[in-house]
Amino acid sequence: MLRERTDRFFGYYPGTVALVTAVHDGVRNVMAAGWHTALSAEPPLYGVAVGRARATHPLIEASGRFGVNFLPYSRAGAVQGSGVYSLHGGHDKHALLSLPTLPGEPLALASAYLHYTCTLSAVLPTGDHDLMVGQVQAVHYDPDAYDDQGLLVAQPAIYLGRSLYTTTTKARTQHGG
C-alpha cells in the first residue's frame, strides 16, 4: 500500500538493464542503460535513453546504428561494469568484462539471451538525455532461454539499485486466458 510521499523521482526499481553497443571507425563501446523500451511493433522500434556526455552517444550518431543486448543474471557483474567503467577513461569494456560479439555482428554480445540490431531513425531530446530511437533490423536470441510459447525461462539480471541485482524464480502464475 502506498503510504509515503517523496520528492525523489528515480531509484524505485526493479528493472532490466540493457547493454547498448555501438561501433564507429574502429572505436567500439558498450554501456548500461536502465531507461529503454519498445516503442512500436510496426515498424519495429526500440528506444534507449543515452546521456549526451556518454561515449556511446556520438558513436551511435556517427554510425547510425546501435545494438540492444539483454544478459542473464550470471553476467550481472558485466552489466554493472558496463555502467561503471567508461570509454572516456580509456577502458575497452568488451575486453575488460569479457563481452565478445557474435562473428560478423559487432553489435551483438555473444552472452546475451536477446539482442536487437537497430538503425537510428530519430534522436529526441528528453531533458538531460536523448532518446535514441532505432528501427529493429535483426533479432538474435538464445533458443534455450525461451519456452515453446516464446516466454523467457532464463534468469534475467534485474537491477534493484545501488549495484544490487536479483533474478526471477521459476514460479509462475497465469491470470486470465
Protein backbone atom coordinates (compact mmCIF):
# COMPACT_ATOMS: atom_id res chain seq x y z
CA MET A 1 0.00 0.00 0.00
CA LEU A 2 1.29 3.49 -0.84
CA ARG A 3 1.84 5.29 2.45
CA GLU A 4 4.68 7.74 1.91
CA ARG A 5 5.40 10.65 -0.38
CA THR A 6 8.79 11.81 -1.70
CA ASP A 7 10.28 14.43 -3.99
CA ARG A 8 12.69 11.81 -5.32
CA PHE A 9 11.61 10.53 -8.72
CA PHE A 10 14.20 7.88 -9.59
CA GLY A 11 15.55 4.87 -7.78
CA TYR A 12 12.40 2.83 -7.35
CA TYR A 13 13.37 -0.16 -9.42
CA PRO A 14 13.47 -3.14 -10.23
CA GLY A 15 14.11 -3.39 -13.93
CA THR A 16 16.29 -5.00 -16.54
CA VAL A 17 19.33 -3.12 -17.76
CA ALA A 18 20.05 -3.20 -21.48
CA LEU A 19 23.63 -3.17 -22.70
CA VAL A 20 23.80 -0.77 -25.62
CA THR A 21 26.58 -1.36 -28.14
CA ALA A 22 27.93 0.99 -30.77
CA VAL A 23 30.85 0.92 -33.21
CA HIS A 24 32.26 3.65 -35.47
CA ASP A 25 35.62 4.00 -37.25
CA GLY A 26 37.15 1.15 -35.25
CA VAL A 27 36.00 2.53 -31.89
CA ARG A 28 33.56 0.33 -30.01
CA ASN A 29 31.71 0.73 -26.74
CA VAL A 30 29.14 -0.94 -24.57
CA MET A 31 27.13 0.98 -21.96
CA ALA A 32 24.49 0.05 -19.41
CA ALA A 33 21.08 1.66 -19.97
CA GLY A 34 18.33 1.40 -17.39
CA TRP A 35 15.97 3.57 -19.43
CA HIS A 36 14.86 1.66 -22.53
CA THR A 37 11.61 0.45 -24.07
CA ALA A 38 9.83 -0.98 -27.09
CA LEU A 39 8.08 1.85 -28.90
CA SER A 40 6.28 0.29 -31.87
CA ALA A 41 5.53 -3.11 -33.38
CA GLU A 42 5.03 -1.85 -36.95
CA PRO A 43 7.56 -0.66 -37.79
CA PRO A 44 9.55 -2.35 -35.01
CA LEU A 45 11.07 0.50 -32.98
CA TYR A 46 13.10 0.39 -29.76
CA GLY A 47 14.20 3.40 -27.73
CA VAL A 48 17.17 3.88 -25.43
CA ALA A 49 17.88 6.99 -23.34
CA VAL A 50 21.56 7.95 -23.70
CA GLY A 51 23.22 10.85 -21.89
CA ARG A 52 24.80 13.33 -24.28
CA ALA A 53 28.13 13.15 -22.41
CA ARG A 54 28.34 9.37 -22.72
CA ALA A 55 30.96 7.99 -25.12
CA THR A 56 28.29 5.86 -26.80
CA HIS A 57 26.21 8.88 -27.87
CA PRO A 58 28.50 10.16 -30.67
CA LEU A 59 29.24 6.58 -31.81
CA ILE A 60 25.53 5.99 -32.37
CA GLU A 61 25.03 9.32 -34.12
CA ALA A 62 28.06 8.86 -36.39
CA SER A 63 27.37 5.22 -37.32
CA GLY A 64 23.57 5.47 -37.41
CA ARG A 65 23.35 2.08 -35.67
CA PHE A 66 23.25 0.56 -32.22
CA GLY A 67 22.64 -2.75 -30.51
CA VAL A 68 20.43 -3.56 -27.53
CA ASN A 69 21.51 -6.62 -25.55
CA PHE A 70 20.00 -8.39 -22.54
CA LEU A 71 22.30 -10.54 -20.40
CA PRO A 72 21.38 -13.22 -17.88
CA TYR A 73 21.79 -12.96 -14.13
CA SER A 74 25.03 -14.96 -14.34
CA ARG A 75 26.52 -11.93 -16.17
CA ALA A 76 25.26 -9.26 -13.75
CA GLY A 77 28.88 -8.28 -12.99
CA ALA A 78 29.40 -7.40 -16.67
CA VAL A 79 26.14 -5.45 -16.69
CA GLN A 80 27.28 -3.46 -13.66
CA GLY A 81 30.79 -2.97 -15.07
CA SER A 82 29.33 -1.59 -18.30
CA GLY A 83 27.81 1.18 -16.22
CA VAL A 84 30.84 1.80 -14.01
CA TYR A 85 33.75 1.81 -16.45
CA SER A 86 33.99 4.40 -19.22
CA LEU A 87 35.49 4.58 -22.68
CA HIS A 88 36.32 8.20 -21.73
CA GLY A 89 38.63 6.67 -19.12
CA GLY A 90 40.32 4.52 -21.75
CA HIS A 91 38.52 1.27 -20.92
CA ASP A 92 37.71 -1.26 -23.62
CA LYS A 93 34.72 -2.71 -21.76
CA HIS A 94 34.31 -5.54 -24.27
CA ALA A 95 37.76 -6.86 -23.32
CA LEU A 96 37.69 -5.86 -19.65
CA LEU A 97 34.32 -7.52 -18.98
CA SER A 98 34.69 -10.50 -21.37
CA LEU A 99 31.93 -9.34 -23.72
CA PRO A 100 32.78 -10.79 -27.13
CA THR A 101 30.43 -10.23 -30.03
CA LEU A 102 28.98 -12.72 -32.50
CA PRO A 103 31.16 -13.29 -35.58
CA GLY A 104 30.25 -10.71 -38.21
CA GLU A 105 27.83 -8.98 -35.80
CA PRO A 106 29.83 -6.31 -33.93
CA LEU A 107 26.76 -5.07 -32.03
CA ALA A 108 25.52 -8.48 -30.78
CA LEU A 109 27.02 -9.64 -27.49
CA ALA A 110 27.57 -13.41 -27.58
CA SER A 111 26.47 -13.89 -23.95
CA ALA A 112 23.10 -12.15 -24.42
CA TYR A 113 19.86 -14.10 -24.40
CA LEU A 114 18.28 -11.39 -26.59
CA HIS A 115 19.75 -8.81 -28.98
CA TYR A 116 18.29 -6.18 -31.31
CA THR A 117 20.34 -4.60 -34.11
CA CYS A 118 18.87 -1.15 -34.76
CA THR A 119 19.33 1.61 -37.31
CA LEU A 120 18.94 5.07 -35.84
CA SER A 121 15.67 6.62 -37.01
CA ALA A 122 15.35 9.58 -34.61
CA VAL A 123 17.13 11.37 -31.78
CA LEU A 124 14.66 13.03 -29.44
CA PRO A 125 15.92 15.39 -26.70
CA THR A 126 14.39 14.36 -23.37
CA GLY A 127 15.81 16.56 -20.64
CA ASP A 128 19.37 15.55 -19.80
CA HIS A 129 19.27 12.50 -22.14
CA ASP A 130 18.44 11.88 -25.78
CA LEU A 131 16.02 9.12 -26.68
CA MET A 132 17.78 7.18 -29.43
CA VAL A 133 15.00 5.60 -31.47
CA GLY A 134 16.09 2.64 -33.53
CA GLN A 135 14.29 0.60 -36.13
CA VAL A 136 14.96 -3.04 -35.33
CA GLN A 137 16.68 -4.65 -38.32
CA ALA A 138 17.58 -8.01 -36.79
CA VAL A 139 16.79 -10.00 -33.67
CA HIS A 140 19.13 -12.66 -32.30
CA TYR A 141 18.14 -14.84 -29.36
CA ASP A 142 19.22 -17.90 -27.42
CA PRO A 143 16.50 -20.52 -28.00
CA ASP A 144 17.45 -22.23 -24.72
CA ALA A 145 16.39 -19.05 -22.89
CA TYR A 146 12.76 -19.33 -24.06
CA ASP A 147 9.99 -21.91 -23.81
CA ASP A 148 7.84 -23.21 -26.67
CA GLN A 149 5.49 -20.21 -26.30
CA GLY A 150 8.35 -17.73 -26.63
CA LEU A 151 8.31 -16.81 -22.92
CA LEU A 152 11.59 -16.18 -21.16
CA VAL A 153 12.70 -19.05 -18.92
CA ALA A 154 16.30 -17.86 -18.46
CA GLN A 155 17.06 -15.86 -15.36
CA PRO A 156 17.43 -12.18 -16.34
CA ALA A 157 19.66 -9.75 -14.48
CA ILE A 158 17.21 -7.50 -12.64
CA TYR A 159 18.64 -4.30 -11.20
CA LEU A 160 17.42 -3.31 -7.74
CA GLY A 161 19.51 -0.13 -7.46
CA ARG A 162 22.75 0.65 -5.64
CA SER A 163 24.72 -2.02 -7.53
CA LEU A 164 22.39 -4.84 -6.40
CA TYR A 165 20.95 -7.42 -8.78
CA THR A 166 18.47 -10.25 -8.42
CA THR A 167 16.60 -12.53 -10.77
CA THR A 168 13.25 -14.24 -11.22
CA THR A 169 12.10 -17.53 -9.77
CA LYS A 170 10.72 -20.47 -11.71
CA ALA A 171 7.30 -19.96 -10.10
CA ARG A 172 4.67 -18.63 -12.50
CA THR A 173 1.01 -17.77 -12.14
CA GLN A 174 -1.30 -17.22 -15.09
CA HIS A 175 -4.28 -14.91 -14.72
CA GLY A 176 -7.00 -14.98 -17.33
CA GLY A 177 -6.86 -16.82 -20.61
